[in-house]
C-alpha cells in the first residue's frame, strides 16, 4: 500500500506518512527475525585454547585435542596454536619458539575469548593470559575435565 506525503486536499502533510511508515509489517518482521536466528545458528566465535604444551608433550597434545573438541561442541571455533605451530617449528629452538609465541599472540587477538585449561600455568600460557588481560579480553578458566572454574 502506497502512503502519500500529501493530504486529501493536496497539501504536504508528512505526519500521517511518517506514522504509517513506523507501523511494522508483520511479514517483514518475521523475515528479519528468521534471518537473525539463521545468522546466530551459523555464528561460531573463535576461542583461543590455552593449555600446557611442554613437559609431557604427548599427554598435553592429547588434552589440547580434547579441549578443542569441547570448544567445537560449545559451538566455537578453537584456535590451539600449540597444536599447529609445532608441526613446522621446533619448540626446543629458542628463536623458533619465540616466533611461535609471536604468531600465537597475533592469532590470540583475533579471538573473542581465551579459554585456559588445567591448574598448571606454563610460562607461555602466562604470556598469553597477560596479553589477553592487556587487551581486556574475556578469559574463562576450566579444569582438565572441562568444567568451568572460578579464577582468583
C-alpha atoms as a PDB file:
ATOM      1  CA  UNK A   1       0.000   0.000   0.000  1.00  0.00           C
ATOM      2  CA  UNK A   2       1.420   3.384  -1.017  1.00  0.00           C
ATOM      3  CA  UNK A   3       1.070   6.193   1.505  1.00  0.00           C
ATOM      4  CA  UNK A   4       1.159   9.755   0.206  1.00  0.00           C
ATOM      5  CA  UNK A   5       3.009  12.651   1.870  1.00  0.00           C
ATOM      6  CA  UNK A   6       0.117  14.881   0.808  1.00  0.00           C
ATOM      7  CA  UNK A   7      -3.331  15.127   2.379  1.00  0.00           C
ATOM      8  CA  UNK A   8      -6.630  14.696   0.549  1.00  0.00           C
ATOM      9  CA  UNK A   9      -6.590  18.431  -0.377  1.00  0.00           C
ATOM     10  CA  UNK A  10      -3.111  18.131  -1.932  1.00  0.00           C
ATOM     11  CA  UNK A  11      -1.185  19.916   0.828  1.00  0.00           C
ATOM     12  CA  UNK A  12       2.129  18.491   2.098  1.00  0.00           C
ATOM     13  CA  UNK A  13       1.346  16.613   5.333  1.00  0.00           C
ATOM     14  CA  UNK A  14       4.180  14.282   6.399  1.00  0.00           C
ATOM     15  CA  UNK A  15       2.716  13.308   9.794  1.00  0.00           C
ATOM     16  CA  UNK A  16       0.377  10.507   8.627  1.00  0.00           C
ATOM     17  CA  UNK A  17       3.041   9.354   6.162  1.00  0.00           C
ATOM     18  CA  UNK A  18       5.660   9.030   8.940  1.00  0.00           C
ATOM     19  CA  UNK A  19       3.156   7.384  11.286  1.00  0.00           C
ATOM     20  CA  UNK A  20       2.295   4.738   8.706  1.00  0.00           C
ATOM     21  CA  UNK A  21       5.985   4.210   7.890  1.00  0.00           C
ATOM     22  CA  UNK A  22       6.639   3.331  11.548  1.00  0.00           C
ATOM     23  CA  UNK A  23       3.986   0.603  11.654  1.00  0.00           C
ATOM     24  CA  UNK A  24       5.912  -2.655  11.371  1.00  0.00           C
ATOM     25  CA  UNK A  25       4.953  -5.063   8.637  1.00  0.00           C
ATOM     26  CA  UNK A  26       4.424  -8.435  10.367  1.00  0.00           C
ATOM     27  CA  UNK A  27       5.689 -10.379   7.370  1.00  0.00           C
ATOM     28  CA  UNK A  28       8.819  -8.256   7.133  1.00  0.00           C
ATOM     29  CA  UNK A  29       9.413  -8.524  10.900  1.00  0.00           C
ATOM     30  CA  UNK A  30       9.038 -12.311  10.749  1.00  0.00           C
ATOM     31  CA  UNK A  31      11.506 -12.463   7.847  1.00  0.00           C
ATOM     32  CA  UNK A  32      14.027 -10.293   9.757  1.00  0.00           C
ATOM     33  CA  UNK A  33      13.683 -12.486  12.847  1.00  0.00           C
ATOM     34  CA  UNK A  34      14.269 -15.614  10.768  1.00  0.00           C
ATOM     35  CA  UNK A  35      17.374 -14.031   9.221  1.00  0.00           C
ATOM     36  CA  UNK A  36      18.662 -13.103  12.710  1.00  0.00           C
ATOM     37  CA  UNK A  37      18.077 -16.654  14.014  1.00  0.00           C
ATOM     38  CA  UNK A  38      19.774 -18.149  10.959  1.00  0.00           C
ATOM     39  CA  UNK A  39      22.807 -15.874  11.464  1.00  0.00           C
ATOM     40  CA  UNK A  40      23.023 -16.809  15.145  1.00  0.00           C
ATOM     41  CA  UNK A  41      22.686 -20.507  14.350  1.00  0.00           C
ATOM     42  CA  UNK A  42      25.626 -20.259  11.942  1.00  0.00           C
ATOM     43  CA  UNK A  43      27.785 -17.939  14.061  1.00  0.00           C
ATOM     44  CA  UNK A  44      30.662 -19.574  15.917  1.00  0.00           C
ATOM     45  CA  UNK A  45      33.053 -17.331  17.835  1.00  0.00           C
ATOM     46  CA  UNK A  46      36.771 -18.096  17.740  1.00  0.00           C
ATOM     47  CA  UNK A  47      38.178 -19.036  21.147  1.00  0.00           C
ATOM     48  CA  UNK A  48      41.862 -19.292  21.969  1.00  0.00           C
ATOM     49  CA  UNK A  49      42.746 -22.576  23.670  1.00  0.00           C
ATOM     50  CA  UNK A  50      45.413 -22.013  26.325  1.00  0.00           C
ATOM     51  CA  UNK A  51      46.877 -25.168  27.872  1.00  0.00           C
ATOM     52  CA  UNK A  52      50.333 -26.592  28.597  1.00  0.00           C
ATOM     53  CA  UNK A  53      52.469 -27.984  25.772  1.00  0.00           C
ATOM     54  CA  UNK A  54      55.977 -28.590  27.163  1.00  0.00           C
ATOM     55  CA  UNK A  55      56.772 -31.370  29.603  1.00  0.00           C
ATOM     56  CA  UNK A  56      54.764 -34.458  28.737  1.00  0.00           C
ATOM     57  CA  UNK A  57      54.143 -33.304  25.156  1.00  0.00           C
ATOM     58  CA  UNK A  58      52.243 -36.415  24.096  1.00  0.00           C
ATOM     59  CA  UNK A  59      49.774 -36.201  27.007  1.00  0.00           C
ATOM     60  CA  UNK A  60      49.457 -32.413  26.689  1.00  0.00           C
ATOM     61  CA  UNK A  61      48.712 -32.646  22.953  1.00  0.00           C
ATOM     62  CA  UNK A  62      46.028 -35.274  23.658  1.00  0.00           C
ATOM     63  CA  UNK A  63      44.482 -32.969  26.272  1.00  0.00           C
ATOM     64  CA  UNK A  64      44.594 -29.975  23.929  1.00  0.00           C
ATOM     65  CA  UNK A  65      42.781 -32.010  21.288  1.00  0.00           C
ATOM     66  CA  UNK A  66      40.079 -32.841  23.842  1.00  0.00           C
ATOM     67  CA  UNK A  67      39.813 -29.147  24.774  1.00  0.00           C
ATOM     68  CA  UNK A  68      39.394 -28.238  21.101  1.00  0.00           C
ATOM     69  CA  UNK A  69      36.675 -30.849  20.681  1.00  0.00           C
ATOM     70  CA  UNK A  70      34.961 -29.408  23.777  1.00  0.00           C
ATOM     71  CA  UNK A  71      35.047 -25.934  22.198  1.00  0.00           C
ATOM     72  CA  UNK A  72      33.530 -27.270  18.975  1.00  0.00           C
ATOM     73  CA  UNK A  73      30.744 -28.924  20.999  1.00  0.00           C
ATOM     74  CA  UNK A  74      30.119 -25.495  22.582  1.00  0.00           C
ATOM     75  CA  UNK A  75      29.636 -24.061  19.047  1.00  0.00           C
ATOM     76  CA  UNK A  76      33.013 -22.297  18.967  1.00  0.00           C
ATOM     77  CA  UNK A  77      35.976 -22.376  16.611  1.00  0.00           C
ATOM     78  CA  UNK A  78      39.023 -23.409  18.657  1.00  0.00           C
ATOM     79  CA  UNK A  79      42.414 -21.870  17.934  1.00  0.00           C
ATOM     80  CA  UNK A  80      45.110 -24.034  19.523  1.00  0.00           C
ATOM     81  CA  UNK A  81      48.430 -22.719  18.269  1.00  0.00           C
ATOM     82  CA  UNK A  82      50.373 -25.225  20.374  1.00  0.00           C
ATOM     83  CA  UNK A  83      48.845 -27.979  18.248  1.00  0.00           C
ATOM     84  CA  UNK A  84      49.541 -26.191  14.974  1.00  0.00           C
ATOM     85  CA  UNK A  85      52.930 -24.455  15.186  1.00  0.00           C
ATOM     86  CA  UNK A  86      54.967 -27.460  16.443  1.00  0.00           C
ATOM     87  CA  UNK A  87      54.090 -29.106  13.132  1.00  0.00           C
ATOM     88  CA  UNK A  88      56.707 -26.907  11.459  1.00  0.00           C
ATOM     89  CA  UNK A  89      58.510 -25.014  14.266  1.00  0.00           C
ATOM     90  CA  UNK A  90      60.939 -26.575  16.752  1.00  0.00           C
ATOM     91  CA  UNK A  91      59.826 -25.710  20.307  1.00  0.00           C
ATOM     92  CA  UNK A  92      63.337 -26.564  21.569  1.00  0.00           C
ATOM     93  CA  UNK A  93      64.954 -23.877  19.377  1.00  0.00           C
ATOM     94  CA  UNK A  94      64.637 -20.531  21.258  1.00  0.00           C
ATOM     95  CA  UNK A  95      64.310 -18.468  18.058  1.00  0.00           C
ATOM     96  CA  UNK A  96      61.621 -20.717  16.606  1.00  0.00           C
ATOM     97  CA  UNK A  97      59.826 -20.828  19.956  1.00  0.00           C
ATOM     98  CA  UNK A  98      59.826 -17.018  20.133  1.00  0.00           C
ATOM     99  CA  UNK A  99      58.485 -16.857  16.577  1.00  0.00           C
ATOM    100  CA  UNK A 100      55.742 -19.332  17.501  1.00  0.00           C
ATOM    101  CA  UNK A 101      54.807 -17.306  20.587  1.00  0.00           C
ATOM    102  CA  UNK A 102      54.706 -14.121  18.496  1.00  0.00           C
ATOM    103  CA  UNK A 103      52.434 -15.710  15.888  1.00  0.00           C
ATOM    104  CA  UNK A 104      50.273 -17.190  18.652  1.00  0.00           C
ATOM    105  CA  UNK A 105      49.805 -13.710  20.132  1.00  0.00           C
ATOM    106  CA  UNK A 106      48.683 -12.414  16.729  1.00  0.00           C
ATOM    107  CA  UNK A 107      46.073 -15.174  16.461  1.00  0.00           C
ATOM    108  CA  UNK A 108      45.012 -14.620  20.072  1.00  0.00           C
ATOM    109  CA  UNK A 109      43.983 -11.049  19.182  1.00  0.00           C
ATOM    110  CA  UNK A 110      41.594 -12.405  16.520  1.00  0.00           C
ATOM    111  CA  UNK A 111      39.668 -14.486  19.069  1.00  0.00           C
ATOM    112  CA  UNK A 112      36.699 -13.347  21.125  1.00  0.00           C
ATOM    113  CA  UNK A 113      37.709 -15.233  24.299  1.00  0.00           C
ATOM    114  CA  UNK A 114      40.614 -17.104  25.839  1.00  0.00           C
ATOM    115  CA  UNK A 115      39.876 -20.464  27.445  1.00  0.00           C
ATOM    116  CA  UNK A 116      42.521 -21.603  29.957  1.00  0.00           C
ATOM    117  CA  UNK A 117      42.584 -25.314  30.836  1.00  0.00           C
ATOM    118  CA  UNK A 118      44.170 -27.051  33.825  1.00  0.00           C
ATOM    119  CA  UNK A 119      45.792 -25.982  37.085  1.00  0.00           C
ATOM    120  CA  UNK A 120      49.344 -25.539  35.809  1.00  0.00           C
ATOM    121  CA  UNK A 121      50.101 -22.253  34.038  1.00  0.00           C
ATOM    122  CA  UNK A 122      53.268 -22.533  31.935  1.00  0.00           C
ATOM    123  CA  UNK A 123      55.400 -19.507  31.023  1.00  0.00           C
ATOM    124  CA  UNK A 124      53.928 -19.500  27.511  1.00  0.00           C
ATOM    125  CA  UNK A 125      50.390 -19.646  28.911  1.00  0.00           C
ATOM    126  CA  UNK A 126      51.178 -16.829  31.350  1.00  0.00           C
ATOM    127  CA  UNK A 127      52.298 -14.636  28.447  1.00  0.00           C
ATOM    128  CA  UNK A 128      49.093 -15.434  26.541  1.00  0.00           C
ATOM    129  CA  UNK A 129      46.921 -14.689  29.584  1.00  0.00           C
ATOM    130  CA  UNK A 130      48.802 -11.418  30.154  1.00  0.00           C
ATOM    131  CA  UNK A 131      48.243 -10.427  26.512  1.00  0.00           C
ATOM    132  CA  UNK A 132      44.524 -11.187  26.798  1.00  0.00           C
ATOM    133  CA  UNK A 133      44.250  -9.216  30.061  1.00  0.00           C
ATOM    134  CA  UNK A 134      46.057  -6.264  28.493  1.00  0.00           C
ATOM    135  CA  UNK A 135      43.542  -6.276  25.629  1.00  0.00           C
ATOM    136  CA  UNK A 136      40.595  -6.625  28.025  1.00  0.00           C
ATOM    137  CA  UNK A 137      39.557  -9.942  26.503  1.00  0.00           C
ATOM    138  CA  UNK A 138      37.244 -12.301  28.380  1.00  0.00           C
ATOM    139  CA  UNK A 139      39.220 -15.163  29.942  1.00  0.00           C
ATOM    140  CA  UNK A 140      37.479 -18.321  31.067  1.00  0.00           C
ATOM    141  CA  UNK A 141      39.135 -20.963  33.227  1.00  0.00           C
ATOM    142  CA  UNK A 142      38.365 -24.675  33.013  1.00  0.00           C
ATOM    143  CA  UNK A 143      39.552 -27.770  34.825  1.00  0.00           C
ATOM    144  CA  UNK A 144      41.227 -30.600  32.916  1.00  0.00           C
ATOM    145  CA  UNK A 145      37.782 -32.256  32.986  1.00  0.00           C
ATOM    146  CA  UNK A 146      36.451 -29.205  31.104  1.00  0.00           C
ATOM    147  CA  UNK A 147      34.316 -27.883  33.939  1.00  0.00           C
ATOM    148  CA  UNK A 148      34.308 -24.125  34.256  1.00  0.00           C
ATOM    149  CA  UNK A 149      36.239 -22.983  37.313  1.00  0.00           C
ATOM    150  CA  UNK A 150      36.353 -19.735  39.202  1.00  0.00           C
ATOM    151  CA  UNK A 151      39.651 -17.942  38.975  1.00  0.00           C
ATOM    152  CA  UNK A 152      41.066 -15.659  41.577  1.00  0.00           C
END
